[in-house]
Amino acid sequence: MLGVGDDCALFSVGTGMQLATSMDLFIEGRHFFSDADAVAVGHKALAVNLSDLAAMGARPLACLLGLSLPSIDHHWLAGFSQGFHALAKAAACPLVGGDTTRSSDGIVISVTVMGEVAADLALRRSAAQPYDDIWITGTLGAPDIALRLLQDRLPANPALLKASRTALEMPLPPWQFAQSLAGVAHAALDISDGLSQDLGHILLASQCGAELDYVSLPIDPCLSGLDLALQQQAVLAGGDVYQLCFTASDQRRHDILQLAQQAGVSVTRVGRITPQVGLRVLDQHGQPIEHVFGGYDHFS
């Protein structure tokens, strides 16, 4: 109703809808490299927030952008704006305001997103039910491998970096598919800090447990041939995935597969919710994998 140019933006939420909102910081040297492509930085700054809306099954409405810059670099700002606005347009999430200020040390980006979801249909972490199926969209592991390569924690491998880097720097959360899960799925969240850690948030909030079949996990093809321990670390604990992990009754399997096909999203059933608390990851023989890794800790 009113966008950039006044003290506040104005927009409405549909009848019978609730407002969903989320905010993320994106800090140079912490969340992106200083020499990262500006288009990719702009894209990802918004993508990580759209992923939060997707985790609630919410439709994007608008976003706010805060930029703290050490200096004005017109070339960098042009690239950043290109990446940010292209994704905002694709997601129908217009930029309606924000703030810009000088930074004494590096670039700091703050994005706030707002969306709407039908009242009482938001996908909450606390809604998983025993014997629910566990589903994952997209693939796992590639962002973690790309990050290791860029940080020189793995031997240089240009082909592997090329195959994995887009997943790290240009994630595409399934925001359209997520909206169709309202009323179909029970619990959901996005995989930002690693599958085992993020799924653990659902289990804690829902007071239940889970079993994952490792051989069923959608492992990114670029991990093929890597050492098994490294692969498991990347798949189970690697963050920056920005895909959905959600639970639903086994009676909704056909509906979920059909909705995913309509949205052009890959979705994989990877395990089940159990009444017994705790997370178990099973190998191809049904035996527990001994070392289930934790995820990313911002203060470790």
C-alpha atoms as a PDB file:
ATOM      1  CA  MET A   1       0.000   0.000   0.000  1.00  0.00           C
ATOM      2  CA  LEU A   2       2.962   2.326   0.698  1.00  0.00           C
ATOM      3  CA  GLY A   3       6.573   1.448   0.003  1.00  0.00           C
ATOM      4  CA  VAL A   4       9.946   3.196   0.172  1.00  0.00           C
ATOM      5  CA  GLY A   5       9.900   6.951   0.693  1.00  0.00           C
ATOM      6  CA  ASP A   6       7.922   7.533   3.891  1.00  0.00           C
ATOM      7  CA  ASP A   7       8.690   6.924   7.571  1.00  0.00           C
ATOM      8  CA  CYS A   8       6.982   3.522   7.445  1.00  0.00           C
ATOM      9  CA  ALA A   9       5.793   1.130   4.775  1.00  0.00           C
ATOM     10  CA  LEU A  10       2.179   0.051   4.839  1.00  0.00           C
ATOM     11  CA  PHE A  11       0.826  -3.312   3.758  1.00  0.00           C
ATOM     12  CA  SER A  12      -2.127  -5.463   4.679  1.00  0.00           C
ATOM     13  CA  VAL A  13      -2.454  -9.074   5.744  1.00  0.00           C
ATOM     14  CA  GLY A  14      -5.288 -11.101   4.258  1.00  0.00           C
ATOM     15  CA  THR A  15      -8.435 -11.939   6.182  1.00  0.00           C
ATOM     16  CA  GLY A  16      -7.912 -14.985   8.371  1.00  0.00           C
ATOM     17  CA  MET A  17      -4.133 -14.753   7.999  1.00  0.00           C
ATOM     18  CA  GLN A  18      -1.371 -14.274  10.549  1.00  0.00           C
ATOM     19  CA  LEU A  19       1.784 -12.196  10.115  1.00  0.00           C
ATOM     20  CA  ALA A  20       5.062 -14.165  10.085  1.00  0.00           C
ATOM     21  CA  THR A  21       8.327 -12.274  10.468  1.00  0.00           C
ATOM     22  CA  SER A  22      12.012 -13.093  10.787  1.00  0.00           C
ATOM     23  CA  MET A  23      15.362 -11.270  10.771  1.00  0.00           C
ATOM     24  CA  ASP A  24      18.922 -12.401  10.043  1.00  0.00           C
ATOM     25  CA  LEU A  25      22.307 -10.700  10.203  1.00  0.00           C
ATOM     26  CA  PHE A  26      24.820 -11.267   7.402  1.00  0.00           C
ATOM     27  CA  ILE A  27      28.323 -10.180   8.426  1.00  0.00           C
ATOM     28  CA  GLU A  28      31.468  -9.883   6.319  1.00  0.00           C
ATOM     29  CA  GLY A  29      34.089 -12.364   7.472  1.00  0.00           C
ATOM     30  CA  ARG A  30      31.514 -14.427   9.355  1.00  0.00           C
ATOM     31  CA  HIS A  31      28.765 -15.208   6.857  1.00  0.00           C
ATOM     32  CA  PHE A  32      30.488 -14.286   3.591  1.00  0.00           C
ATOM     33  CA  PHE A  33      34.062 -13.800   2.415  1.00  0.00           C
ATOM     34  CA  SER A  34      35.349 -10.296   1.731  1.00  0.00           C
ATOM     35  CA  ASP A  35      36.032 -11.221  -1.898  1.00  0.00           C
ATOM     36  CA  ALA A  36      32.662 -12.940  -2.417  1.00  0.00           C
ATOM     37  CA  ASP A  37      30.739 -11.980  -5.542  1.00  0.00           C
ATOM     38  CA  ALA A  38      28.454  -9.070  -4.667  1.00  0.00           C
ATOM     39  CA  VAL A  39      25.538 -10.539  -6.648  1.00  0.00           C
ATOM     40  CA  ALA A  40      25.774 -13.733  -4.597  1.00  0.00           C
ATOM     41  CA  VAL A  41      25.961 -11.753  -1.344  1.00  0.00           C
ATOM     42  CA  GLY A  42      22.790  -9.852  -2.233  1.00  0.00           C
ATOM     43  CA  HIS A  43      21.002 -13.050  -3.231  1.00  0.00           C
ATOM     44  CA  LYS A  44      21.956 -14.994  -0.118  1.00  0.00           C
ATOM     45  CA  ALA A  45      21.213 -12.126   2.281  1.00  0.00           C
ATOM     46  CA  LEU A  46      17.562 -12.390   1.267  1.00  0.00           C
ATOM     47  CA  ALA A  47      17.513 -16.158   0.635  1.00  0.00           C
ATOM     48  CA  VAL A  48      18.350 -17.076   4.236  1.00  0.00           C
ATOM     49  CA  ASN A  49      15.343 -15.045   5.375  1.00  0.00           C
ATOM     50  CA  LEU A  50      12.988 -16.478   2.768  1.00  0.00           C
ATOM     51  CA  SER A  51      14.055 -19.863   4.087  1.00  0.00           C
ATOM     52  CA  ASP A  52      12.688 -18.920   7.517  1.00  0.00           C
ATOM     53  CA  LEU A  53       9.332 -17.994   5.993  1.00  0.00           C
ATOM     54  CA  ALA A  54       9.323 -21.283   4.099  1.00  0.00           C
ATOM     55  CA  ALA A  55       9.898 -23.155   7.358  1.00  0.00           C
ATOM     56  CA  MET A  56       6.603 -21.728   8.643  1.00  0.00           C
ATOM     57  CA  GLY A  57       4.706 -22.306   5.391  1.00  0.00           C
ATOM     58  CA  ALA A  58       4.304 -18.540   4.983  1.00  0.00           C
ATOM     59  CA  ARG A  59       3.896 -16.550   1.766  1.00  0.00           C
ATOM     60  CA  PRO A  60       6.403 -13.662   1.463  1.00  0.00           C
ATOM     61  CA  LEU A  61       4.914 -10.169   1.582  1.00  0.00           C
ATOM     62  CA  ALA A  62       7.763  -7.670   1.947  1.00  0.00           C
ATOM     63  CA  CYS A  63      11.263  -7.163   3.319  1.00  0.00           C
ATOM     64  CA  LEU A  64      13.407  -4.505   4.999  1.00  0.00           C
ATOM     65  CA  LEU A  65      17.145  -4.046   4.451  1.00  0.00           C
ATOM     66  CA  GLY A  66      19.735  -2.535   6.794  1.00  0.00           C
ATOM     67  CA  LEU A  67      23.216  -1.877   5.374  1.00  0.00           C
ATOM     68  CA  SER A  68      26.265  -0.790   7.357  1.00  0.00           C
ATOM     69  CA  LEU A  69      29.178  -0.029   5.002  1.00  0.00           C
ATOM     70  CA  PRO A  70      32.756   1.149   5.669  1.00  0.00           C
ATOM     71  CA  SER A  71      32.682   3.141   2.414  1.00  0.00           C
ATOM     72  CA  ILE A  72      30.634   3.620  -0.741  1.00  0.00           C
ATOM     73  CA  ASP A  73      31.634   1.184  -3.479  1.00  0.00           C
ATOM     74  CA  HIS A  74      29.240   1.768  -6.365  1.00  0.00           C
ATOM     75  CA  HIS A  75      30.345  -1.340  -8.266  1.00  0.00           C
ATOM     76  CA  TRP A  76      29.781  -3.569  -5.218  1.00  0.00           C
ATOM     77  CA  LEU A  77      26.426  -1.934  -4.463  1.00  0.00           C
ATOM     78  CA  ALA A  78      25.262  -2.435  -8.045  1.00  0.00           C
ATOM     79  CA  GLY A  79      26.050  -6.146  -7.866  1.00  0.00           C
ATOM     80  CA  PHE A  80      24.531  -6.526  -4.407  1.00  0.00           C
ATOM     81  CA  SER A  81      21.353  -4.765  -5.524  1.00  0.00           C
ATOM     82  CA  GLN A  82      21.122  -6.934  -8.626  1.00  0.00           C
ATOM     83  CA  GLY A  83      21.276 -10.156  -6.606  1.00  0.00           C
ATOM     84  CA  PHE A  84      18.923  -8.924  -3.890  1.00  0.00           C
ATOM     85  CA  HIS A  85      16.250  -7.491  -6.190  1.00  0.00           C
ATOM     86  CA  ALA A  86      16.293 -10.451  -8.588  1.00  0.00           C
ATOM     87  CA  LEU A  87      15.418 -12.848  -5.768  1.00  0.00           C
ATOM     88  CA  ALA A  88      12.947 -10.374  -4.234  1.00  0.00           C
ATOM     89  CA  LYS A  89      11.134 -10.213  -7.561  1.00  0.00           C
ATOM     90  CA  ALA A  90      11.136 -13.988  -8.013  1.00  0.00           C
ATOM     91  CA  ALA A  91       9.721 -14.494  -4.511  1.00  0.00           C
ATOM     92  CA  ALA A  92       7.226 -11.587  -4.764  1.00  0.00           C
ATOM     93  CA  CYS A  93       8.858 -10.094  -1.665  1.00  0.00           C
ATOM     94  CA  PRO A  94       9.437  -6.390  -2.475  1.00  0.00           C
ATOM     95  CA  LEU A  95      11.909  -4.237  -0.569  1.00  0.00           C
ATOM     96  CA  VAL A  96       9.783  -1.631   1.227  1.00  0.00           C
ATOM     97  CA  GLY A  97      12.283   0.167   3.442  1.00  0.00           C
ATOM     98  CA  GLY A  98      15.381   0.003   5.604  1.00  0.00           C
ATOM     99  CA  ASP A  99      18.393   1.997   6.726  1.00  0.00           C
ATOM    100  CA  THR A 100      21.983   2.694   5.672  1.00  0.00           C
ATOM    101  CA  THR A 101      24.858   3.785   7.893  1.00  0.00           C
ATOM    102  CA  ARG A 102      28.654   3.815   8.047  1.00  0.00           C
ATOM    103  CA  SER A 103      30.521   0.851   9.523  1.00  0.00           C
ATOM    104  CA  SER A 104      33.902   1.128  11.210  1.00  0.00           C
ATOM    105  CA  ASP A 105      34.851  -2.451  10.371  1.00  0.00           C
ATOM    106  CA  GLY A 106      33.444  -4.433   7.441  1.00  0.00           C
ATOM    107  CA  ILE A 107      30.006  -4.818   5.904  1.00  0.00           C
ATOM    108  CA  VAL A 108      27.023  -5.701   8.089  1.00  0.00           C
ATOM    109  CA  ILE A 109      23.711  -6.604   6.447  1.00  0.00           C
ATOM    110  CA  SER A 110      20.402  -7.006   8.252  1.00  0.00           C
ATOM    111  CA  VAL A 111      17.318  -8.294   6.464  1.00  0.00           C
ATOM    112  CA  THR A 112      13.841  -8.565   7.938  1.00  0.00           C
ATOM    113  CA  VAL A 113      11.151 -10.453   6.056  1.00  0.00           C
ATOM    114  CA  MET A 114       7.405 -10.444   6.564  1.00  0.00           C
ATOM    115  CA  GLY A 115       4.936 -12.986   5.294  1.00  0.00           C
ATOM    116  CA  GLU A 116       1.469 -14.333   5.902  1.00  0.00           C
ATOM    117  CA  VAL A 117       0.143 -17.760   6.763  1.00  0.00           C
ATOM    118  CA  ALA A 118      -3.390 -18.962   7.388  1.00  0.00           C
ATOM    119  CA  ALA A 119      -4.328 -18.713  11.052  1.00  0.00           C
ATOM    120  CA  ASP A 120      -3.471 -21.887  12.986  1.00  0.00           C
ATOM    121  CA  LEU A 121      -1.767 -23.485   9.943  1.00  0.00           C
ATOM    122  CA  ALA A 122       1.810 -22.286  10.518  1.00  0.00           C
ATOM    123  CA  LEU A 123       4.309 -25.158  10.512  1.00  0.00           C
ATOM    124  CA  ARG A 124       5.688 -25.212  14.047  1.00  0.00           C
ATOM    125  CA  ARG A 125       8.611 -27.139  15.490  1.00  0.00           C
ATOM    126  CA  SER A 126       6.438 -28.428  18.310  1.00  0.00           C
ATOM    127  CA  ALA A 127       3.877 -30.187  16.065  1.00  0.00           C
ATOM    128  CA  ALA A 128       5.689 -33.429  15.109  1.00  0.00           C
ATOM    129  CA  GLN A 129       3.759 -36.579  16.001  1.00  0.00           C
ATOM    130  CA  PRO A 130       4.985 -40.127  16.683  1.00  0.00           C
ATOM    131  CA  TYR A 131       5.242 -42.237  13.501  1.00  0.00           C
ATOM    132  CA  ASP A 132       5.267 -39.168  11.246  1.00  0.00           C
ATOM    133  CA  ASP A 133       7.414 -39.469   8.130  1.00  0.00           C
ATOM    134  CA  ILE A 134      10.447 -37.179   7.992  1.00  0.00           C
ATOM    135  CA  TRP A 135      11.041 -35.431   4.654  1.00  0.00           C
ATOM    136  CA  ILE A 136      13.821 -33.256   3.231  1.00  0.00           C
ATOM    137  CA  THR A 137      13.777 -31.015   0.174  1.00  0.00           C
ATOM    138  CA  GLY A 138      16.804 -30.593  -2.067  1.00  0.00           C
ATOM    139  CA  THR A 139      20.162 -32.185  -1.282  1.00  0.00           C
ATOM    140  CA  LEU A 140      22.614 -32.173   1.613  1.00  0.00           C
ATOM    141  CA  GLY A 141      26.345 -31.702   2.029  1.00  0.00           C
ATOM    142  CA  ALA A 142      27.464 -29.493  -0.873  1.00  0.00           C
ATOM    143  CA  PRO A 143      27.585 -26.148   1.022  1.00  0.00           C
ATOM    144  CA  ASP A 144      29.742 -27.658   3.758  1.00  0.00           C
ATOM    145  CA  ILE A 145      32.222 -29.076   1.233  1.00  0.00           C
ATOM    146  CA  ALA A 146      32.428 -25.735  -0.611  1.00  0.00           C
ATOM    147  CA  LEU A 147      33.077 -23.894   2.642  1.00  0.00           C
ATOM    148  CA  ARG A 148      35.838 -26.334   3.623  1.00  0.00           C
ATOM    149  CA  LEU A 149      37.505 -25.840   0.255  1.00  0.00           C
ATOM    150  CA  LEU A 150      37.291 -22.038   0.442  1.00  0.00           C
ATOM    151  CA  GLN A 151      38.746 -22.114   3.967  1.00  0.00           C
ATOM    152  CA  ASP A 152      41.584 -24.447   2.852  1.00  0.00           C
ATOM    153  CA  ARG A 153      40.380 -27.171   5.214  1.00  0.00           C
ATOM    154  CA  LEU A 154      40.440 -29.604   2.293  1.00  0.00           C
ATOM    155  CA  PRO A 155      43.104 -30.024  -0.413  1.00  0.00           C
ATOM    156  CA  ALA A 156      42.508 -27.773  -3.401  1.00  0.00           C
ATOM    157  CA  ASN A 157      40.065 -29.338  -5.853  1.00  0.00           C
ATOM    158  CA  PRO A 158      38.818 -26.870  -8.491  1.00  0.00           C
ATOM    159  CA  ALA A 159      36.316 -29.311  -9.985  1.00  0.00           C
ATOM    160  CA  LEU A 160      34.758 -30.103  -6.603  1.00  0.00           C
ATOM    161  CA  LEU A 161      34.633 -26.408  -5.674  1.00  0.00           C
ATOM    162  CA  LYS A 162      32.892 -25.573  -8.943  1.00  0.00           C
ATOM    163  CA  ALA A 163      30.342 -28.355  -8.355  1.00  0.00           C
ATOM    164  CA  SER A 164      29.562 -27.321  -4.763  1.00  0.00           C
ATOM    165  CA  ARG A 165      30.009 -23.538  -4.609  1.00  0.00           C
ATOM    166  CA  THR A 166      26.637 -22.509  -6.037  1.00  0.00           C
ATOM    167  CA  ALA A 167      24.854 -24.416  -3.261  1.00  0.00           C
ATOM    168  CA  LEU A 168      26.787 -22.380  -0.681  1.00  0.00           C
ATOM    169  CA  GLU A 169      26.561 -18.938  -2.247  1.00  0.00           C
ATOM    170  CA  MET A 170      23.256 -19.003  -4.161  1.00  0.00           C
ATOM    171  CA  PRO A 171      20.798 -21.145  -2.163  1.00  0.00           C
ATOM    172  CA  LEU A 172      17.200 -21.383  -3.380  1.00  0.00           C
ATOM    173  CA  PRO A 173      14.816 -22.124  -0.507  1.00  0.00           C
ATOM    174  CA  PRO A 174      11.587 -23.867  -1.626  1.00  0.00           C
ATOM    175  CA  TRP A 175       9.304 -21.005  -0.567  1.00  0.00           C
ATOM    176  CA  GLN A 176       6.540 -21.810  -3.049  1.00  0.00           C
ATOM    177  CA  PHE A 177       6.387 -25.508  -2.181  1.00  0.00           C
ATOM    178  CA  ALA A 178       6.449 -24.672   1.524  1.00  0.00           C
ATOM    179  CA  GLN A 179       3.245 -22.657   1.239  1.00  0.00           C
ATOM    180  CA  SER A 180       1.420 -25.741  -0.030  1.00  0.00           C
ATOM    181  CA  LEU A 181       2.475 -27.722   3.063  1.00  0.00           C
ATOM    182  CA  ALA A 182       0.265 -25.687   5.416  1.00  0.00           C
ATOM    183  CA  GLY A 183      -2.436 -28.094   6.527  1.00  0.00           C
ATOM    184  CA  VAL A 184      -0.515 -31.075   5.080  1.00  0.00           C
ATOM    185  CA  ALA A 185       2.696 -31.230   7.114  1.00  0.00           C
ATOM    186  CA  HIS A 186       2.914 -31.115  10.904  1.00  0.00           C
ATOM    187  CA  ALA A 187       6.301 -29.669  11.920  1.00  0.00           C
ATOM    188  CA  ALA A 188       9.025 -28.006   9.845  1.00  0.00           C
ATOM    189  CA  LEU A 189      12.216 -25.961   9.959  1.00  0.00           C
ATOM    190  CA  ASP A 190      14.981 -24.965   7.588  1.00  0.00           C
ATOM    191  CA  ILE A 191      18.371 -26.672   7.653  1.00  0.00           C
ATOM    192  CA  SER A 192      20.713 -23.781   8.351  1.00  0.00           C
ATOM    193  CA  ASP A 193      22.956 -25.219  11.094  1.00  0.00           C
ATOM    194  CA  GLY A 194      23.067 -28.901  10.099  1.00  0.00           C
ATOM    195  CA  LEU A 195      20.480 -31.657   9.766  1.00  0.00           C
ATOM    196  CA  SER A 196      21.143 -33.459  13.052  1.00  0.00           C
ATOM    197  CA  GLN A 197      21.160 -30.241  15.083  1.00  0.00           C
ATOM    198  CA  ASP A 198      18.151 -28.662  13.374  1.00  0.00           C
ATOM    199  CA  LEU A 199      16.068 -31.846  13.453  1.00  0.00           C
ATOM    200  CA  GLY A 200      16.974 -31.994  17.137  1.00  0.00           C
ATOM    201  CA  HIS A 201      15.108 -28.704  17.618  1.00  0.00           C
ATOM    202  CA  ILE A 202      11.917 -30.356  16.326  1.00  0.00           C
ATOM    203  CA  LEU A 203      12.454 -33.377  18.548  1.00  0.00           C
ATOM    204  CA  LEU A 204      13.026 -31.233  21.638  1.00  0.00           C
ATOM    205  CA  ALA A 205      10.013 -29.006  20.978  1.00  0.00           C
ATOM    206  CA  SER A 206       7.761 -31.988  20.132  1.00  0.00           C
ATOM    207  CA  GLN A 207       9.122 -34.186  22.964  1.00  0.00           C
ATOM    208  CA  CYS A 208       9.785 -37.160  20.707  1.00  0.00           C
ATOM    209  CA  GLY A 209      12.623 -38.890  18.882  1.00  0.00           C
ATOM    210  CA  ALA A 210      13.564 -39.870  15.352  1.00  0.00           C
ATOM    211  CA  GLU A 211      15.264 -42.491  13.228  1.00  0.00           C
ATOM    212  CA  LEU A 212      16.993 -41.462  10.002  1.00  0.00           C
ATOM    213  CA  ASP A 213      18.000 -43.916   7.287  1.00  0.00           C
ATOM    214  CA  TYR A 214      21.400 -42.665   6.136  1.00  0.00           C
ATOM    215  CA  VAL A 215      21.141 -44.425   2.777  1.00  0.00           C
ATOM    216  CA  SER A 216      17.870 -42.555   2.113  1.00  0.00           C
ATOM    217  CA  LEU A 217      19.336 -39.087   2.708  1.00  0.00           C
ATOM    218  CA  PRO A 218      19.496 -36.934  -0.453  1.00  0.00           C
ATOM    219  CA  ILE A 219      23.286 -36.592  -0.591  1.00  0.00           C
ATOM    220  CA  ASP A 220      24.462 -34.119  -3.202  1.00  0.00           C
ATOM    221  CA  PRO A 221      26.107 -35.899  -6.145  1.00  0.00           C
ATOM    222  CA  CYS A 222      29.274 -33.803  -5.781  1.00  0.00           C
ATOM    223  CA  LEU A 223      30.096 -35.725  -2.567  1.00  0.00           C
ATOM    224  CA  SER A 224      30.413 -38.984  -4.482  1.00  0.00           C
ATOM    225  CA  GLY A 225      33.806 -40.586  -3.904  1.00  0.00           C
ATOM    226  CA  LEU A 226      34.663 -38.570  -0.793  1.00  0.00           C
ATOM    227  CA  ASP A 227      35.837 -40.269   2.381  1.00  0.00           C
ATOM    228  CA  LEU A 228      32.816 -41.715   4.230  1.00  0.00           C
ATOM    229  CA  ALA A 229      33.580 -39.917   7.511  1.00  0.00           C
ATOM    230  CA  LEU A 230      33.875 -36.575   5.690  1.00  0.00           C
ATOM    231  CA  GLN A 231      30.685 -37.286   3.785  1.00  0.00           C
ATOM    232  CA  GLN A 232      28.772 -38.082   6.971  1.00  0.00           C
ATOM    233  CA  GLN A 233      30.085 -34.921   8.635  1.00  0.00           C
ATOM    234  CA  ALA A 234      28.995 -32.768   5.685  1.00  0.00           C
ATOM    235  CA  VAL A 235      25.579 -34.437   5.331  1.00  0.00           C
ATOM    236  CA  LEU A 236      24.610 -34.688   8.994  1.00  0.00           C
ATOM    237  CA  ALA A 237      26.246 -31.568  10.399  1.00  0.00           C
ATOM    238  CA  GLY A 238      26.911 -29.276   7.444  1.00  0.00           C
ATOM    239  CA  GLY A 239      24.966 -26.024   7.537  1.00  0.00           C
ATOM    240  CA  ASP A 240      24.022 -23.371   4.971  1.00  0.00           C
ATOM    241  CA  VAL A 241      21.630 -25.784   3.233  1.00  0.00           C
ATOM    242  CA  TYR A 242      18.457 -23.657   3.482  1.00  0.00           C
ATOM    243  CA  GLN A 243      16.183 -26.518   2.539  1.00  0.00           C
ATOM    244  CA  LEU A 244      13.211 -27.834   4.517  1.00  0.00           C
ATOM    245  CA  CYS A 245      13.082 -30.687   6.974  1.00  0.00           C
ATOM    246  CA  PHE A 246       9.458 -31.463   7.803  1.00  0.00           C
ATOM    247  CA  THR A 247       7.238 -34.179   9.225  1.00  0.00           C
ATOM    248  CA  ALA A 248       3.852 -35.440   8.068  1.00  0.00           C
ATOM    249  CA  SER A 249       1.524 -38.393   8.486  1.00  0.00           C
ATOM    250  CA  ASP A 250       2.339 -41.404   6.304  1.00  0.00           C
ATOM    251  CA  GLN A 251      -1.160 -40.988   4.866  1.00  0.00           C
ATOM    252  CA  ARG A 252      -0.035 -37.765   3.151  1.00  0.00           C
ATOM    253  CA  ARG A 253       2.816 -39.315   1.137  1.00  0.00           C
ATOM    254  CA  HIS A 254       1.000 -39.124  -2.198  1.00  0.00           C
ATOM    255  CA  ASP A 255      -0.113 -35.541  -1.538  1.00  0.00           C
ATOM    256  CA  ILE A 256       3.443 -34.440  -0.678  1.00  0.00           C
ATOM    257  CA  LEU A 257       4.975 -36.057  -3.745  1.00  0.00           C
ATOM    258  CA  GLN A 258       2.315 -34.497  -5.956  1.00  0.00           C
ATOM    259  CA  LEU A 259       2.782 -31.028  -4.431  1.00  0.00           C
ATOM    260  CA  ALA A 260       6.546 -31.307  -4.853  1.00  0.00           C
ATOM    261  CA  GLN A 261       6.164 -32.299  -8.496  1.00  0.00           C
ATOM    262  CA  GLN A 262       3.868 -29.339  -9.129  1.00  0.00           C
ATOM    263  CA  ALA A 263       6.395 -26.979  -7.520  1.00  0.00           C
ATOM    264  CA  GLY A 264       9.385 -28.505  -9.304  1.00  0.00           C
ATOM    265  CA  VAL A 265      11.026 -29.393  -5.997  1.00  0.00           C
ATOM    266  CA  SER A 266      12.840 -32.607  -5.133  1.00  0.00           C
ATOM    267  CA  VAL A 267      11.658 -34.167  -1.883  1.00  0.00           C
ATOM    268  CA  THR A 268      12.882 -37.299  -0.108  1.00  0.00           C
ATOM    269  CA  ARG A 269      11.415 -39.357   2.719  1.00  0.00           C
ATOM    270  CA  VAL A 270      14.351 -40.066   5.036  1.00  0.00           C
ATOM    271  CA  GLY A 271      13.017 -41.490   8.314  1.00  0.00           C
ATOM    272  CA  ARG A 272      10.337 -41.459  10.939  1.00  0.00           C
ATOM    273  CA  ILE A 273       9.405 -39.808  14.221  1.00  0.00           C
ATOM    274  CA  THR A 274       9.502 -42.160  17.226  1.00  0.00           C
ATOM    275  CA  PRO A 275       7.850 -41.969  20.649  1.00  0.00           C
ATOM    276  CA  GLN A 276      11.256 -42.594  22.275  1.00  0.00           C
ATOM    277  CA  VAL A 277      13.339 -39.436  22.642  1.00  0.00           C
ATOM    278  CA  GLY A 278      16.699 -39.072  20.909  1.00  0.00           C
ATOM    279  CA  LEU A 279      17.985 -39.156  17.343  1.00  0.00           C
ATOM    280  CA  ARG A 280      19.348 -42.329  15.778  1.00  0.00           C
ATOM    281  CA  VAL A 281      20.941 -42.511  12.331  1.00  0.00           C
ATOM    282  CA  LEU A 282      20.859 -46.021  10.871  1.00  0.00           C
ATOM    283  CA  ASP A 283      23.202 -47.480   8.252  1.00  0.00           C
ATOM    284  CA  GLN A 284      22.202 -49.772   5.363  1.00  0.00           C
ATOM    285  CA  HIS A 285      21.989 -52.714   7.763  1.00  0.00           C
ATOM    286  CA  GLY A 286      19.695 -50.920  10.197  1.00  0.00           C
ATOM    287  CA  GLN A 287      22.513 -50.455  12.714  1.00  0.00           C
ATOM    288  CA  PRO A 288      23.110 -47.110  14.439  1.00  0.00           C
ATOM    289  CA  ILE A 289      25.948 -44.971  13.119  1.00  0.00           C
ATOM    290  CA  GLU A 290      28.046 -44.378  16.193  1.00  0.00           C
ATOM    291  CA  HIS A 291      29.138 -40.801  15.592  1.00  0.00           C
ATOM    292  CA  VAL A 292      26.253 -38.437  14.916  1.00  0.00           C
ATOM    293  CA  PHE A 293      27.777 -34.987  14.626  1.00  0.00           C
ATOM    294  CA  GLY A 294      26.428 -31.731  15.987  1.00  0.00           C
ATOM    295  CA  GLY A 295      25.821 -28.664  13.859  1.00  0.00           C
ATOM    296  CA  TYR A 296      27.067 -25.086  13.672  1.00  0.00           C
ATOM    297  CA  ASP A 297      27.478 -23.111  16.905  1.00  0.00           C
ATOM    298  CA  HIS A 298      27.825 -19.341  16.462  1.00  0.00           C
ATOM    299  CA  PHE A 299      29.691 -18.970  19.768  1.00  0.00           C
ATOM    300  CA  SER A 300      31.849 -22.112  19.824  1.00  0.00           C
END
